[in-house]
Amino acid sequence: MTAPPVTPDGRYLVVRGRLWRRADPGLDEGRRAGLVSELMAARRAVRAALGGEGDLLAARARVDAAKRALGERGPVWWRDGAPDQNRRMAANSSYAGWYAGLDGA
Protein backbone atom coordinates (compact mmCIF):
# COMPACT_ATOMS: atom_id res chain seq x y z
CA MET A 1 0.00 0.00 0.00
CA THR A 2 1.36 3.40 -0.98
CA ALA A 3 1.33 6.20 1.58
CA PRO A 4 -1.02 9.07 0.68
CA PRO A 5 0.63 12.19 -0.73
CA VAL A 6 1.46 14.97 1.70
CA THR A 7 1.23 18.63 0.72
CA PRO A 8 4.58 20.39 0.31
CA ASP A 9 4.09 22.34 3.55
CA GLY A 10 3.28 19.12 5.47
CA ARG A 11 -0.10 20.33 6.70
CA TYR A 12 -2.34 17.88 4.87
CA LEU A 13 -2.43 14.45 3.34
CA VAL A 14 -4.64 13.66 0.37
CA VAL A 15 -7.03 10.71 0.42
CA ARG A 16 -9.30 10.16 -2.60
CA GLY A 17 -8.67 13.74 -3.68
CA ARG A 18 -9.60 15.31 -0.33
CA LEU A 19 -7.29 17.19 2.04
CA TRP A 20 -7.09 15.90 5.62
CA ARG A 21 -5.17 17.83 8.26
CA ARG A 22 -2.14 16.05 9.67
CA ALA A 23 -1.18 15.91 13.33
CA ASP A 24 0.86 18.75 14.79
CA PRO A 25 4.54 17.94 14.10
CA GLY A 26 5.44 19.94 17.21
CA LEU A 27 4.03 17.28 19.54
CA ASP A 28 6.71 15.29 21.30
CA GLU A 29 6.82 11.65 20.25
CA GLY A 30 5.62 10.25 23.59
CA ARG A 31 2.59 12.55 23.70
CA ARG A 32 1.76 11.84 20.05
CA ALA A 33 2.00 8.08 20.58
CA GLY A 34 -0.30 8.27 23.60
CA LEU A 35 -2.85 10.33 21.70
CA VAL A 36 -2.78 7.98 18.71
CA SER A 37 -3.33 5.05 21.09
CA GLU A 38 -6.31 6.86 22.65
CA LEU A 39 -7.69 7.67 19.19
CA MET A 40 -7.54 4.02 18.15
CA ALA A 41 -9.23 2.94 21.40
CA ALA A 42 -11.93 5.57 20.87
CA ARG A 43 -12.53 4.36 17.31
CA ARG A 44 -12.92 0.81 18.61
CA ALA A 45 -15.43 2.15 21.15
CA VAL A 46 -17.41 3.77 18.31
CA ARG A 47 -17.46 0.47 16.44
CA ALA A 48 -18.64 -1.36 19.56
CA ALA A 49 -21.34 1.25 20.20
CA LEU A 50 -22.60 0.94 16.64
CA GLY A 51 -23.00 -2.75 17.39
CA GLY A 52 -25.17 -1.86 20.38
CA GLU A 53 -22.45 -2.39 22.98
CA GLY A 54 -21.84 1.10 24.37
CA ASP A 55 -22.57 4.79 24.39
CA LEU A 56 -22.10 6.14 20.86
CA LEU A 57 -22.11 9.82 21.86
CA ALA A 58 -19.40 9.27 24.47
CA ALA A 59 -17.29 7.23 22.05
CA ARG A 60 -17.55 9.90 19.34
CA ALA A 61 -16.64 12.57 21.89
CA ARG A 62 -13.47 10.59 22.72
CA VAL A 63 -12.54 10.46 19.03
CA ASP A 64 -13.08 14.20 18.71
CA ALA A 65 -11.03 14.97 21.84
CA ALA A 66 -8.11 12.85 20.62
CA LYS A 67 -8.19 14.42 17.15
CA ARG A 68 -8.26 17.92 18.66
CA ALA A 69 -5.33 17.11 20.94
CA LEU A 70 -3.39 15.79 17.93
CA GLY A 71 -4.14 19.00 16.02
CA GLU A 72 -6.20 17.28 13.33
CA ARG A 73 -9.30 19.28 14.34
CA GLY A 74 -9.91 22.57 16.07
CA PRO A 75 -7.49 25.49 15.88
CA VAL A 76 -4.73 25.08 13.32
CA TRP A 77 -1.24 24.29 14.57
CA TRP A 78 0.64 26.47 12.08
CA ARG A 79 1.34 30.12 12.86
CA ASP A 80 1.55 31.87 9.48
CA GLY A 81 -2.14 32.79 9.28
CA ALA A 82 -2.93 30.46 6.38
CA PRO A 83 -6.57 29.31 6.42
CA ASP A 84 -7.56 25.76 7.24
CA GLN A 85 -8.49 23.79 4.13
CA ASN A 86 -9.29 20.55 5.94
CA ARG A 87 -11.75 18.30 4.08
CA ARG A 88 -11.67 20.40 0.91
CA MET A 89 -11.06 18.78 -2.43
CA ALA A 90 -7.39 19.30 -3.29
CA ALA A 91 -8.28 20.27 -6.85
CA ASN A 92 -10.38 23.17 -5.49
CA SER A 93 -7.85 24.42 -2.96
CA SER A 94 -4.70 26.49 -2.91
CA TYR A 95 -2.90 23.17 -3.51
CA ALA A 96 -4.61 22.64 -6.88
CA GLY A 97 -1.47 23.24 -8.95
CA TRP A 98 0.61 20.91 -6.81
CA TYR A 99 -2.13 18.28 -6.82
CA ALA A 100 -2.55 18.43 -10.61
CA GLY A 101 1.13 17.56 -10.96
CA LEU A 102 0.88 14.32 -8.99
CA ASP A 103 0.87 11.02 -10.83
CA GLY A 104 -2.65 9.58 -10.81
CA ALA A 105 -4.31 12.75 -9.52
PDB file of N, CA and C in Angstrom:
ATOM      1  N   MET A   1       0.846  -1.178   0.000  1.00  0.00           N
ATOM      2  CA  MET A   1       0.000   0.000   0.000  1.00  0.00           C
ATOM      3  C   MET A   1       0.890   1.240   0.000  1.00  0.00           C
ATOM      4  N   THR A   2       0.592   2.168  -0.862  1.00  0.00           N
ATOM      5  CA  THR A   2       1.356   3.401  -0.977  1.00  0.00           C
ATOM      6  C   THR A   2       0.824   4.433   0.011  1.00  0.00           C
ATOM      7  N   ALA A   3       1.734   5.149   0.648  1.00  0.00           N
ATOM      8  CA  ALA A   3       1.327   6.203   1.576  1.00  0.00           C
ATOM      9  C   ALA A   3       0.655   7.325   0.798  1.00  0.00           C
ATOM     10  N   PRO A   4      -0.357   7.961   1.381  1.00  0.00           N
ATOM     11  CA  PRO A   4      -1.018   9.066   0.679  1.00  0.00           C
ATOM     12  C   PRO A   4      -0.055  10.238   0.520  1.00  0.00           C
ATOM     13  N   PRO A   5      -0.245  11.026  -0.544  1.00  0.00           N
ATOM     14  CA  PRO A   5       0.631  12.191  -0.732  1.00  0.00           C
ATOM     15  C   PRO A   5       0.412  13.223   0.367  1.00  0.00           C
ATOM     16  N   VAL A   6       1.489  13.917   0.691  1.00  0.00           N
ATOM     17  CA  VAL A   6       1.463  14.970   1.702  1.00  0.00           C
ATOM     18  C   VAL A   6       1.775  16.289   1.007  1.00  0.00           C
ATOM     19  N   THR A   7       1.011  17.326   1.339  1.00  0.00           N
ATOM     20  CA  THR A   7       1.233  18.629   0.717  1.00  0.00           C
ATOM     21  C   THR A   7       2.660  19.108   1.006  1.00  0.00           C
ATOM     22  N   PRO A   8       3.203  19.935   0.135  1.00  0.00           N
ATOM     23  CA  PRO A   8       4.584  20.388   0.313  1.00  0.00           C
ATOM     24  C   PRO A   8       4.872  21.047   1.666  1.00  0.00           C
ATOM     25  N   ASP A   9       3.872  21.698   2.248  1.00  0.00           N
ATOM     26  CA  ASP A   9       4.085  22.336   3.553  1.00  0.00           C
ATOM     27  C   ASP A   9       3.857  21.383   4.723  1.00  0.00           C
ATOM     28  N   GLY A  10       3.463  20.135   4.435  1.00  0.00           N
ATOM     29  CA  GLY A  10       3.285  19.121   5.471  1.00  0.00           C
ATOM     30  C   GLY A  10       2.021  19.250   6.293  1.00  0.00           C
ATOM     31  N   ARG A  11       1.113  20.112   5.899  1.00  0.00           N
ATOM     32  CA  ARG A  11      -0.099  20.332   6.696  1.00  0.00           C
ATOM     33  C   ARG A  11      -1.187  19.304   6.448  1.00  0.00           C
ATOM     34  N   TYR A  12      -1.250  18.770   5.238  1.00  0.00           N
ATOM     35  CA  TYR A  12      -2.344  17.877   4.869  1.00  0.00           C
ATOM     36  C   TYR A  12      -1.821  16.643   4.165  1.00  0.00           C
ATOM     37  N   LEU A  13      -2.627  15.584   4.224  1.00  0.00           N
ATOM     38  CA  LEU A  13      -2.430  14.449   3.341  1.00  0.00           C
ATOM     39  C   LEU A  13      -3.671  14.383   2.462  1.00  0.00           C
ATOM     40  N   VAL A  14      -3.539  13.720   1.329  1.00  0.00           N
ATOM     41  CA  VAL A  14      -4.643  13.664   0.371  1.00  0.00           C
ATOM     42  C   VAL A  14      -5.122  12.226   0.257  1.00  0.00           C
ATOM     43  N   VAL A  15      -6.405  12.029   0.530  1.00  0.00           N
ATOM     44  CA  VAL A  15      -7.030  10.714   0.420  1.00  0.00           C
ATOM     45  C   VAL A  15      -8.241  10.861  -0.494  1.00  0.00           C
ATOM     46  N   ARG A  16      -8.235  10.089  -1.588  1.00  0.00           N
ATOM     47  CA  ARG A  16      -9.303  10.158  -2.597  1.00  0.00           C
ATOM     48  C   ARG A  16      -9.600  11.602  -3.012  1.00  0.00           C
ATOM     49  N   GLY A  17      -8.536  12.383  -3.187  1.00  0.00           N
ATOM     50  CA  GLY A  17      -8.666  13.736  -3.676  1.00  0.00           C
ATOM     51  C   GLY A  17      -9.009  14.784  -2.635  1.00  0.00           C
ATOM     52  N   ARG A  18      -9.191  14.380  -1.388  1.00  0.00           N
ATOM     53  CA  ARG A  18      -9.599  15.314  -0.334  1.00  0.00           C
ATOM     54  C   ARG A  18      -8.445  15.554   0.632  1.00  0.00           C
ATOM     55  N   LEU A  19      -8.316  16.816   1.066  1.00  0.00           N
ATOM     56  CA  LEU A  19      -7.290  17.189   2.038  1.00  0.00           C
ATOM     57  C   LEU A  19      -7.742  16.816   3.449  1.00  0.00           C
ATOM     58  N   TRP A  20      -6.833  16.221   4.213  1.00  0.00           N
ATOM     59  CA  TRP A  20      -7.088  15.901   5.618  1.00  0.00           C
ATOM     60  C   TRP A  20      -5.915  16.434   6.429  1.00  0.00           C
ATOM     61  N   ARG A  21      -6.220  17.226   7.451  1.00  0.00           N
ATOM     62  CA  ARG A  21      -5.168  17.829   8.262  1.00  0.00           C
ATOM     63  C   ARG A  21      -4.351  16.769   8.987  1.00  0.00           C
ATOM     64  N   ARG A  22      -3.050  16.957   8.973  1.00  0.00           N
ATOM     65  CA  ARG A  22      -2.138  16.052   9.674  1.00  0.00           C
ATOM     66  C   ARG A  22      -1.976  16.490  11.127  1.00  0.00           C
ATOM     67  N   ALA A  23      -1.443  15.605  11.925  1.00  0.00           N
ATOM     68  CA  ALA A  23      -1.178  15.912  13.330  1.00  0.00           C
ATOM     69  C   ALA A  23      -0.083  16.976  13.433  1.00  0.00           C
ATOM     70  N   ASP A  24      -0.112  17.701  14.515  1.00  0.00           N
ATOM     71  CA  ASP A  24       0.865  18.747  14.785  1.00  0.00           C
ATOM     72  C   ASP A  24       2.261  18.126  14.905  1.00  0.00           C
ATOM     73  N   PRO A  25       3.195  18.500  14.025  1.00  0.00           N
ATOM     74  CA  PRO A  25       4.538  17.937  14.098  1.00  0.00           C
ATOM     75  C   PRO A  25       5.308  18.426  15.319  1.00  0.00           C
ATOM     76  N   GLY A  26       4.783  19.432  16.016  1.00  0.00           N
ATOM     77  CA  GLY A  26       5.438  19.944  17.209  1.00  0.00           C
ATOM     78  C   GLY A  26       5.175  19.125  18.465  1.00  0.00           C
ATOM     79  N   LEU A  27       4.285  18.137  18.377  1.00  0.00           N
ATOM     80  CA  LEU A  27       4.027  17.279  19.544  1.00  0.00           C
ATOM     81  C   LEU A  27       5.231  16.378  19.787  1.00  0.00           C
ATOM     82  N   ASP A  28       5.605  16.208  21.048  1.00  0.00           N
ATOM     83  CA  ASP A  28       6.715  15.291  21.299  1.00  0.00           C
ATOM     84  C   ASP A  28       6.238  13.864  21.045  1.00  0.00           C
ATOM     85  N   GLU A  29       7.150  12.997  20.709  1.00  0.00           N
ATOM     86  CA  GLU A  29       6.820  11.649  20.254  1.00  0.00           C
ATOM     87  C   GLU A  29       6.020  10.854  21.286  1.00  0.00           C
ATOM     88  N   GLY A  30       6.351  10.980  22.562  1.00  0.00           N
ATOM     89  CA  GLY A  30       5.615  10.250  23.590  1.00  0.00           C
ATOM     90  C   GLY A  30       4.165  10.702  23.690  1.00  0.00           C
ATOM     91  N   ARG A  31       3.954  11.998  23.650  1.00  0.00           N
ATOM     92  CA  ARG A  31       2.585  12.546  23.702  1.00  0.00           C
ATOM     93  C   ARG A  31       1.800  12.124  22.469  1.00  0.00           C
ATOM     94  N   ARG A  32       2.427  12.228  21.290  1.00  0.00           N
ATOM     95  CA  ARG A  32       1.757  11.845  20.053  1.00  0.00           C
ATOM     96  C   ARG A  32       1.368  10.370  20.084  1.00  0.00           C
ATOM     97  N   ALA A  33       2.286   9.515  20.520  1.00  0.00           N
ATOM     98  CA  ALA A  33       2.005   8.080  20.577  1.00  0.00           C
ATOM     99  C   ALA A  33       0.838   7.794  21.524  1.00  0.00           C
ATOM    100  N   GLY A  34       0.801   8.462  22.664  1.00  0.00           N
ATOM    101  CA  GLY A  34      -0.295   8.274  23.601  1.00  0.00           C
ATOM    102  C   GLY A  34      -1.630   8.720  23.025  1.00  0.00           C
ATOM    103  N   LEU A  35      -1.621   9.841  22.311  1.00  0.00           N
ATOM    104  CA  LEU A  35      -2.852  10.335  21.698  1.00  0.00           C
ATOM    105  C   LEU A  35      -3.326   9.430  20.568  1.00  0.00           C
ATOM    106  N   VAL A  36      -2.402   8.910  19.785  1.00  0.00           N
ATOM    107  CA  VAL A  36      -2.780   7.975  18.714  1.00  0.00           C
ATOM    108  C   VAL A  36      -3.371   6.705  19.320  1.00  0.00           C
ATOM    109  N   SER A  37      -2.791   6.232  20.403  1.00  0.00           N
ATOM    110  CA  SER A  37      -3.327   5.054  21.087  1.00  0.00           C
ATOM    111  C   SER A  37      -4.747   5.315  21.589  1.00  0.00           C
ATOM    112  N   GLU A  38      -4.970   6.491  22.176  1.00  0.00           N
ATOM    113  CA  GLU A  38      -6.311   6.862  22.649  1.00  0.00           C
ATOM    114  C   GLU A  38      -7.276   6.977  21.475  1.00  0.00           C
ATOM    115  N   LEU A  39      -6.831   7.550  20.366  1.00  0.00           N
ATOM    116  CA  LEU A  39      -7.687   7.675  19.185  1.00  0.00           C
ATOM    117  C   LEU A  39      -8.119   6.297  18.687  1.00  0.00           C
ATOM    118  N   MET A  40      -7.194   5.365  18.623  1.00  0.00           N
ATOM    119  CA  MET A  40      -7.537   4.023  18.149  1.00  0.00           C
ATOM    120  C   MET A  40      -8.519   3.334  19.107  1.00  0.00           C
ATOM    121  N   ALA A  41      -8.301   3.511  20.414  1.00  0.00           N
ATOM    122  CA  ALA A  41      -9.233   2.938  21.396  1.00  0.00           C
ATOM    123  C   ALA A  41     -10.612   3.567  21.259  1.00  0.00           C
ATOM    124  N   ALA A  42     -10.650   4.874  21.038  1.00  0.00           N
ATOM    125  CA  ALA A  42     -11.934   5.573  20.874  1.00  0.00           C
ATOM    126  C   ALA A  42     -12.650   5.095  19.616  1.00  0.00           C
ATOM    127  N   ARG A  43     -11.911   4.876  18.537  1.00  0.00           N
ATOM    128  CA  ARG A  43     -12.533   4.360  17.315  1.00  0.00           C
ATOM    129  C   ARG A  43     -13.090   2.955  17.520  1.00  0.00           C
ATOM    130  N   ARG A  44     -12.380   2.146  18.296  1.00  0.00           N
ATOM    131  CA  ARG A  44     -12.917   0.810  18.612  1.00  0.00           C
ATOM    132  C   ARG A  44     -14.188   0.932  19.442  1.00  0.00           C
ATOM    133  N   ALA A  45     -14.235   1.921  20.336  1.00  0.00           N
ATOM    134  CA  ALA A  45     -15.435   2.146  21.151  1.00  0.00           C
ATOM    135  C   ALA A  45     -16.611   2.583  20.276  1.00  0.00           C
ATOM    136  N   VAL A  46     -16.340   3.384  19.241  1.00  0.00           N
ATOM    137  CA  VAL A  46     -17.408   3.773  18.307  1.00  0.00           C
ATOM    138  C   VAL A  46     -17.942   2.536  17.605  1.00  0.00           C
ATOM    139  N   ARG A  47     -17.034   1.686  17.136  1.00  0.00           N
ATOM    140  CA  ARG A  47     -17.463   0.468  16.441  1.00  0.00           C
ATOM    141  C   ARG A  47     -18.305  -0.416  17.366  1.00  0.00           C
ATOM    142  N   ALA A  48     -17.882  -0.551  18.601  1.00  0.00           N
ATOM    143  CA  ALA A  48     -18.642  -1.361  19.556  1.00  0.00           C
ATOM    144  C   ALA A  48     -20.013  -0.741  19.818  1.00  0.00           C
ATOM    145  N   ALA A  49     -20.062   0.576  19.938  1.00  0.00           N
ATOM    146  CA  ALA A  49     -21.335   1.250  20.204  1.00  0.00           C
ATOM    147  C   ALA A  49     -22.284   1.114  19.021  1.00  0.00           C
ATOM    148  N   LEU A  50     -21.751   1.143  17.815  1.00  0.00           N
ATOM    149  CA  LEU A  50     -22.598   0.945  16.636  1.00  0.00           C
ATOM    150  C   LEU A  50     -23.189  -0.460  16.618  1.00  0.00           C
ATOM    151  N   GLY A  51     -22.504  -1.386  17.260  1.00  0.00           N
ATOM    152  CA  GLY A  51     -23.004  -2.754  17.394  1.00  0.00           C
ATOM    153  C   GLY A  51     -23.919  -2.913  18.588  1.00  0.00           C
ATOM    154  N   GLY A  52     -24.244  -1.814  19.244  1.00  0.00           N
ATOM    155  CA  GLY A  52     -25.165  -1.864  20.378  1.00  0.00           C
ATOM    156  C   GLY A  52     -24.498  -2.151  21.705  1.00  0.00           C
ATOM    157  N   GLU A  53     -23.169  -2.044  21.753  1.00  0.00           N
ATOM    158  CA  GLU A  53     -22.451  -2.386  22.983  1.00  0.00           C
ATOM    159  C   GLU A  53     -21.763  -1.179  23.602  1.00  0.00           C
ATOM    160  N   GLY A  54     -22.469  -0.063  23.745  1.00  0.00           N
ATOM    161  CA  GLY A  54     -21.845   1.097  24.367  1.00  0.00           C
ATOM    162  C   GLY A  54     -22.539   2.389  24.019  1.00  0.00           C
ATOM    163  N   ASP A  55     -22.010   3.456  24.569  1.00  0.00           N
ATOM    164  CA  ASP A  55     -22.569   4.791  24.394  1.00  0.00           C
ATOM    165  C   ASP A  55     -21.906   5.461  23.190  1.00  0.00           C
ATOM    166  N   LEU A  56     -22.639   5.594  22.102  1.00  0.00           N
ATOM    167  CA  LEU A  56     -22.095   6.137  20.861  1.00  0.00           C
ATOM    168  C   LEU A  56     -21.663   7.589  21.020  1.00  0.00           C
ATOM    169  N   LEU A  57     -22.468   8.409  21.694  1.00  0.00           N
ATOM    170  CA  LEU A  57     -22.109   9.824  21.861  1.00  0.00           C
ATOM    171  C   LEU A  57     -20.802   9.971  22.634  1.00  0.00           C
ATOM    172  N   ALA A  58     -20.631   9.199  23.678  1.00  0.00           N
ATOM    173  CA  ALA A  58     -19.395   9.270  24.470  1.00  0.00           C
ATOM    174  C   ALA A  58     -18.197   8.799  23.652  1.00  0.00           C
ATOM    175  N   ALA A  59     -18.385   7.748  22.868  1.00  0.00           N
ATOM    176  CA  ALA A  59     -17.289   7.232  22.047  1.00  0.00           C
ATOM    177  C   ALA A  59     -16.882   8.251  20.985  1.00  0.00           C
ATOM    178  N   ARG A  60     -17.864   8.879  20.357  1.00  0.00           N
ATOM    179  CA  ARG A  60     -17.554   9.898  19.345  1.00  0.00           C
ATOM    180  C   ARG A  60     -16.884  11.116  19.979  1.00  0.00           C
ATOM    181  N   ALA A  61     -17.277  11.459  21.184  1.00  0.00           N
ATOM    182  CA  ALA A  61     -16.640  12.570  21.894  1.00  0.00           C
ATOM    183  C   ALA A  61     -15.170  12.252  22.183  1.00  0.00           C
ATOM    184  N   ARG A  62     -14.867  10.994  22.498  1.00  0.00           N
ATOM    185  CA  ARG A  62     -13.472  10.586  22.722  1.00  0.00           C
ATOM    186  C   ARG A  62     -12.658  10.720  21.450  1.00  0.00           C
ATOM    187  N   VAL A  63     -13.235  10.316  20.321  1.00  0.00           N
ATOM    188  CA  VAL A  63     -12.540  10.459  19.034  1.00  0.00           C
ATOM    189  C   VAL A  63     -12.250  11.932  18.783  1.00  0.00           C
ATOM    190  N   ASP A  64     -13.253  12.775  18.957  1.00  0.00           N
ATOM    191  CA  ASP A  64     -13.083  14.203  18.712  1.00  0.00           C
ATOM    192  C   ASP A  64     -12.010  14.787  19.627  1.00  0.00           C
ATOM    193  N   ALA A  65     -12.022  14.430  20.894  1.00  0.00           N
ATOM    194  CA  ALA A  65     -11.029  14.966  21.841  1.00  0.00           C
ATOM    195  C   ALA A  65      -9.615  14.556  21.442  1.00  0.00           C
ATOM    196  N   ALA A  66      -9.441  13.311  21.031  1.00  0.00           N
ATOM    197  CA  ALA A  66      -8.113  12.846  20.625  1.00  0.00           C
ATOM    198  C   ALA A  66      -7.651  13.568  19.358  1.00  0.00           C
ATOM    199  N   LYS A  67      -8.548  13.730  18.394  1.00  0.00           N
ATOM    200  CA  LYS A  67      -8.185  14.419  17.150  1.00  0.00           C
ATOM    201  C   LYS A  67      -7.852  15.889  17.409  1.00  0.00           C
ATOM    202  N   ARG A  68      -8.563  16.531  18.314  1.00  0.00           N
ATOM    203  CA  ARG A  68      -8.264  17.918  18.659  1.00  0.00           C
ATOM    204  C   ARG A  68      -6.907  18.014  19.352  1.00  0.00           C
ATOM    205  N   ALA A  69      -6.622  17.095  20.247  1.00  0.00           N
ATOM    206  CA  ALA A  69      -5.332  17.106  20.942  1.00  0.00           C
ATOM    207  C   ALA A  69      -4.172  16.853  19.971  1.00  0.00           C
ATOM    208  N   LEU A  70      -4.412  16.048  18.950  1.00  0.00           N
ATOM    209  CA  LEU A  70      -3.388  15.791  17.935  1.00  0.00           C
ATOM    210  C   LEU A  70      -3.219  16.976  16.978  1.00  0.00           C
ATOM    211  N   GLY A  71      -4.195  17.867  16.932  1.00  0.00           N
ATOM    212  CA  GLY A  71      -4.144  18.999  16.021  1.00  0.00           C
ATOM    213  C   GLY A  71      -4.828  18.746  14.698  1.00  0.00           C
ATOM    214  N   GLU A  72      -5.511  17.610  14.573  1.00  0.00           N
ATOM    215  CA  GLU A  72      -6.205  17.279  13.334  1.00  0.00           C
ATOM    216  C   GLU A  72      -7.549  17.991  13.203  1.00  0.00           C
ATOM    217  N   ARG A  73      -8.060  18.500  14.310  1.00  0.00           N
ATOM    218  CA  ARG A  73      -9.304  19.275  14.342  1.00  0.00           C
ATOM    219  C   ARG A  73      -9.071  20.476  15.247  1.00  0.00           C
ATOM    220  N   GLY A  74     -10.011  21.401  15.212  1.00  0.00           N
ATOM    221  CA  GLY A  74      -9.907  22.575  16.074  1.00  0.00           C
ATOM    222  C   GLY A  74      -8.964  23.612  15.495  1.00  0.00           C
ATOM    223  N   PRO A  75      -8.400  24.443  16.358  1.00  0.00           N
ATOM    224  CA  PRO A  75      -7.494  25.491  15.877  1.00  0.00           C
ATOM    225  C   PRO A  75      -6.304  24.886  15.134  1.00  0.00           C
ATOM    226  N   VAL A  76      -5.871  25.579  14.089  1.00  0.00           N
ATOM    227  CA  VAL A  76      -4.731  25.083  13.318  1.00  0.00           C
ATOM    228  C   VAL A  76      -3.455  25.164  14.143  1.00  0.00           C
ATOM    229  N   TRP A  77      -2.491  24.309  13.823  1.00  0.00           N
ATOM    230  CA  TRP A  77      -1.236  24.292  14.574  1.00  0.00           C
ATOM    231  C   TRP A  77      -0.152  25.139  13.923  1.00  0.00           C
ATOM    232  N   TRP A  78      -0.362  25.610  12.704  1.00  0.00           N
ATOM    233  CA  TRP A  78       0.642  26.473  12.078  1.00  0.00           C
ATOM    234  C   TRP A  78       0.383  27.919  12.471  1.00  0.00           C
ATOM    235  N   ARG A  79       1.398  28.753  12.329  1.00  0.00           N
ATOM    236  CA  ARG A  79       1.336  30.115  12.859  1.00  0.00           C
ATOM    237  C   ARG A  79       1.446  31.201  11.795  1.00  0.00           C
ATOM    238  N   ASP A  80       1.355  30.856  10.515  1.00  0.00           N
ATOM    239  CA  ASP A  80       1.549  31.869   9.480  1.00  0.00           C
ATOM    240  C   ASP A  80       0.253  32.522   9.002  1.00  0.00           C
ATOM    241  N   GLY A  81      -0.864  32.172   9.629  1.00  0.00           N
ATOM    242  CA  GLY A  81      -2.144  32.786   9.283  1.00  0.00           C
ATOM    243  C   GLY A  81      -2.861  32.159   8.102  1.00  0.00           C
ATOM    244  N   ALA A  82      -2.276  31.123   7.509  1.00  0.00           N
ATOM    245  CA  ALA A  82      -2.928  30.456   6.377  1.00  0.00           C
ATOM    246  C   ALA A  82      -4.233  29.810   6.845  1.00  0.00           C
ATOM    247  N   PRO A  83      -5.281  29.887   6.023  1.00  0.00           N
ATOM    248  CA  PRO A  83      -6.573  29.307   6.420  1.00  0.00           C
ATOM    249  C   PRO A  83      -6.530  27.784   6.425  1.00  0.00           C
ATOM    250  N   ASP A  84      -7.430  27.214   7.194  1.00  0.00           N
ATOM    251  CA  ASP A  84      -7.561  25.762   7.240  1.00  0.00           C
ATOM    252  C   ASP A  84      -8.347  25.302   6.013  1.00  0.00           C
ATOM    253  N   GLN A  85      -7.822  24.327   5.311  1.00  0.00           N
ATOM    254  CA  GLN A  85      -8.493  23.787   4.131  1.00  0.00           C
ATOM    255  C   GLN A  85      -8.879  22.323   4.345  1.00  0.00           C
ATOM    256  N   ASN A  86      -8.948  21.924   5.603  1.00  0.00           N
ATOM    257  CA  ASN A  86      -9.286  20.549   5.942  1.00  0.00           C
ATOM    258  C   ASN A  86     -10.598  20.124   5.285  1.00  0.00           C
ATOM    259  N   ARG A  87     -10.602  18.952   4.722  1.00  0.00           N
ATOM    260  CA  ARG A  87     -11.749  18.299   4.085  1.00  0.00           C
ATOM    261  C   ARG A  87     -12.127  18.888   2.732  1.00  0.00           C
ATOM    262  N   ARG A  88     -11.396  19.860   2.246  1.00  0.00           N
ATOM    263  CA  ARG A  88     -11.669  20.400   0.910  1.00  0.00           C
ATOM    264  C   ARG A  88     -11.070  19.476  -0.135  1.00  0.00           C
ATOM    265  N   MET A  89     -11.634  19.518  -1.320  1.00  0.00           N
ATOM    266  CA  MET A  89     -11.063  18.779  -2.435  1.00  0.00           C
ATOM    267  C   MET A  89      -9.764  19.482  -2.829  1.00  0.00           C
ATOM    268  N   ALA A  90      -8.695  18.715  -2.976  1.00  0.00           N
ATOM    269  CA  ALA A  90      -7.393  19.299  -3.293  1.00  0.00           C
ATOM    270  C   ALA A  90      -7.437  20.091  -4.593  1.00  0.00           C
ATOM    271  N   ALA A  91      -8.193  19.604  -5.558  1.00  0.00           N
ATOM    272  CA  ALA A  91      -8.279  20.273  -6.855  1.00  0.00           C
ATOM    273  C   ALA A  91      -8.965  21.631  -6.765  1.00  0.00           C
ATOM    274  N   ASN A  92      -9.675  21.895  -5.677  1.00  0.00           N
ATOM    275  CA  ASN A  92     -10.383  23.168  -5.485  1.00  0.00           C
ATOM    276  C   ASN A  92      -9.778  23.971  -4.335  1.00  0.00           C
ATOM    277  N   SER A  93      -8.510  23.766  -4.080  1.00  0.00           N
ATOM    278  CA  SER A  93      -7.847  24.419  -2.956  1.00  0.00           C
ATOM    279  C   SER A  93      -6.624  25.178  -3.453  1.00  0.00           C
ATOM    280  N   SER A  94      -5.926  25.803  -2.538  1.00  0.00           N
ATOM    281  CA  SER A  94      -4.695  26.492  -2.906  1.00  0.00           C
ATOM    282  C   SER A  94      -3.602  25.501  -3.317  1.00  0.00           C
ATOM    283  N   TYR A  95      -3.843  24.217  -3.117  1.00  0.00           N
ATOM    284  CA  TYR A  95      -2.897  23.166  -3.508  1.00  0.00           C
ATOM    285  C   TYR A  95      -3.222  22.588  -4.886  1.00  0.00           C
ATOM    286  N   ALA A  96      -4.147  23.187  -5.606  1.00  0.00           N
ATOM    287  CA  ALA A  96      -4.611  22.639  -6.885  1.00  0.00           C
ATOM    288  C   ALA A  96      -3.476  22.423  -7.872  1.00  0.00           C
ATOM    289  N   GLY A  97      -2.584  23.381  -8.019  1.00  0.00           N
ATOM    290  CA  GLY A  97      -1.465  23.238  -8.954  1.00  0.00           C
ATOM    291  C   GLY A  97      -0.555  22.094  -8.580  1.00  0.00           C
ATOM    292  N   TRP A  98      -0.220  22.016  -7.306  1.00  0.00           N
ATOM    293  CA  TRP A  98       0.611  20.906  -6.814  1.00  0.00           C
ATOM    294  C   TRP A  98      -0.093  19.580  -7.047  1.00  0.00           C
ATOM    295  N   TYR A  99      -1.369  19.522  -6.702  1.00  0.00           N
ATOM    296  CA  TYR A  99      -2.129  18.277  -6.824  1.00  0.00           C
ATOM    297  C   TYR A  99      -2.232  17.831  -8.278  1.00  0.00           C
ATOM    298  N   ALA A 100      -2.431  18.762  -9.179  1.00  0.00           N
ATOM    299  CA  ALA A 100      -2.547  18.432 -10.607  1.00  0.00           C
ATOM    300  C   ALA A 100      -1.260  17.798 -11.138  1.00  0.00           C
ATOM    301  N   GLY A 101      -0.138  18.118 -10.528  1.00  0.00           N
ATOM    302  CA  GLY A 101       1.131  17.564 -10.956  1.00  0.00           C
ATOM    303  C   GLY A 101       1.467  16.190 -10.427  1.00  0.00           C
ATOM    304  N   LEU A 102       0.637  15.657  -9.540  1.00  0.00           N
ATOM    305  CA  LEU A 102       0.882  14.323  -8.992  1.00  0.00           C
ATOM    306  C   LEU A 102       0.508  13.254  -9.999  1.00  0.00           C
ATOM    307  N   ASP A 103       1.235  12.167  -9.997  1.00  0.00           N
ATOM    308  CA  ASP A 103       0.866  11.017 -10.825  1.00  0.00           C
ATOM    309  C   ASP A 103      -0.440  10.439 -10.314  1.00  0.00           C
ATOM    310  N   GLY A 104      -1.390  10.208 -11.183  1.00  0.00           N
ATOM    311  CA  GLY A 104      -2.654   9.576 -10.809  1.00  0.00           C
ATOM    312  C   GLY A 104      -3.660  10.519 -10.197  1.00  0.00           C
ATOM    313  N   ALA A 105      -3.353  11.803 -10.122  1.00  0.00           N
ATOM    314  CA  ALA A 105      -4.310  12.754  -9.524  1.00  0.00           C
ATOM    315  C   ALA A 105      -5.409  13.109 -10.509  1.00  0.00           C
TER     316      ALA A 105
END
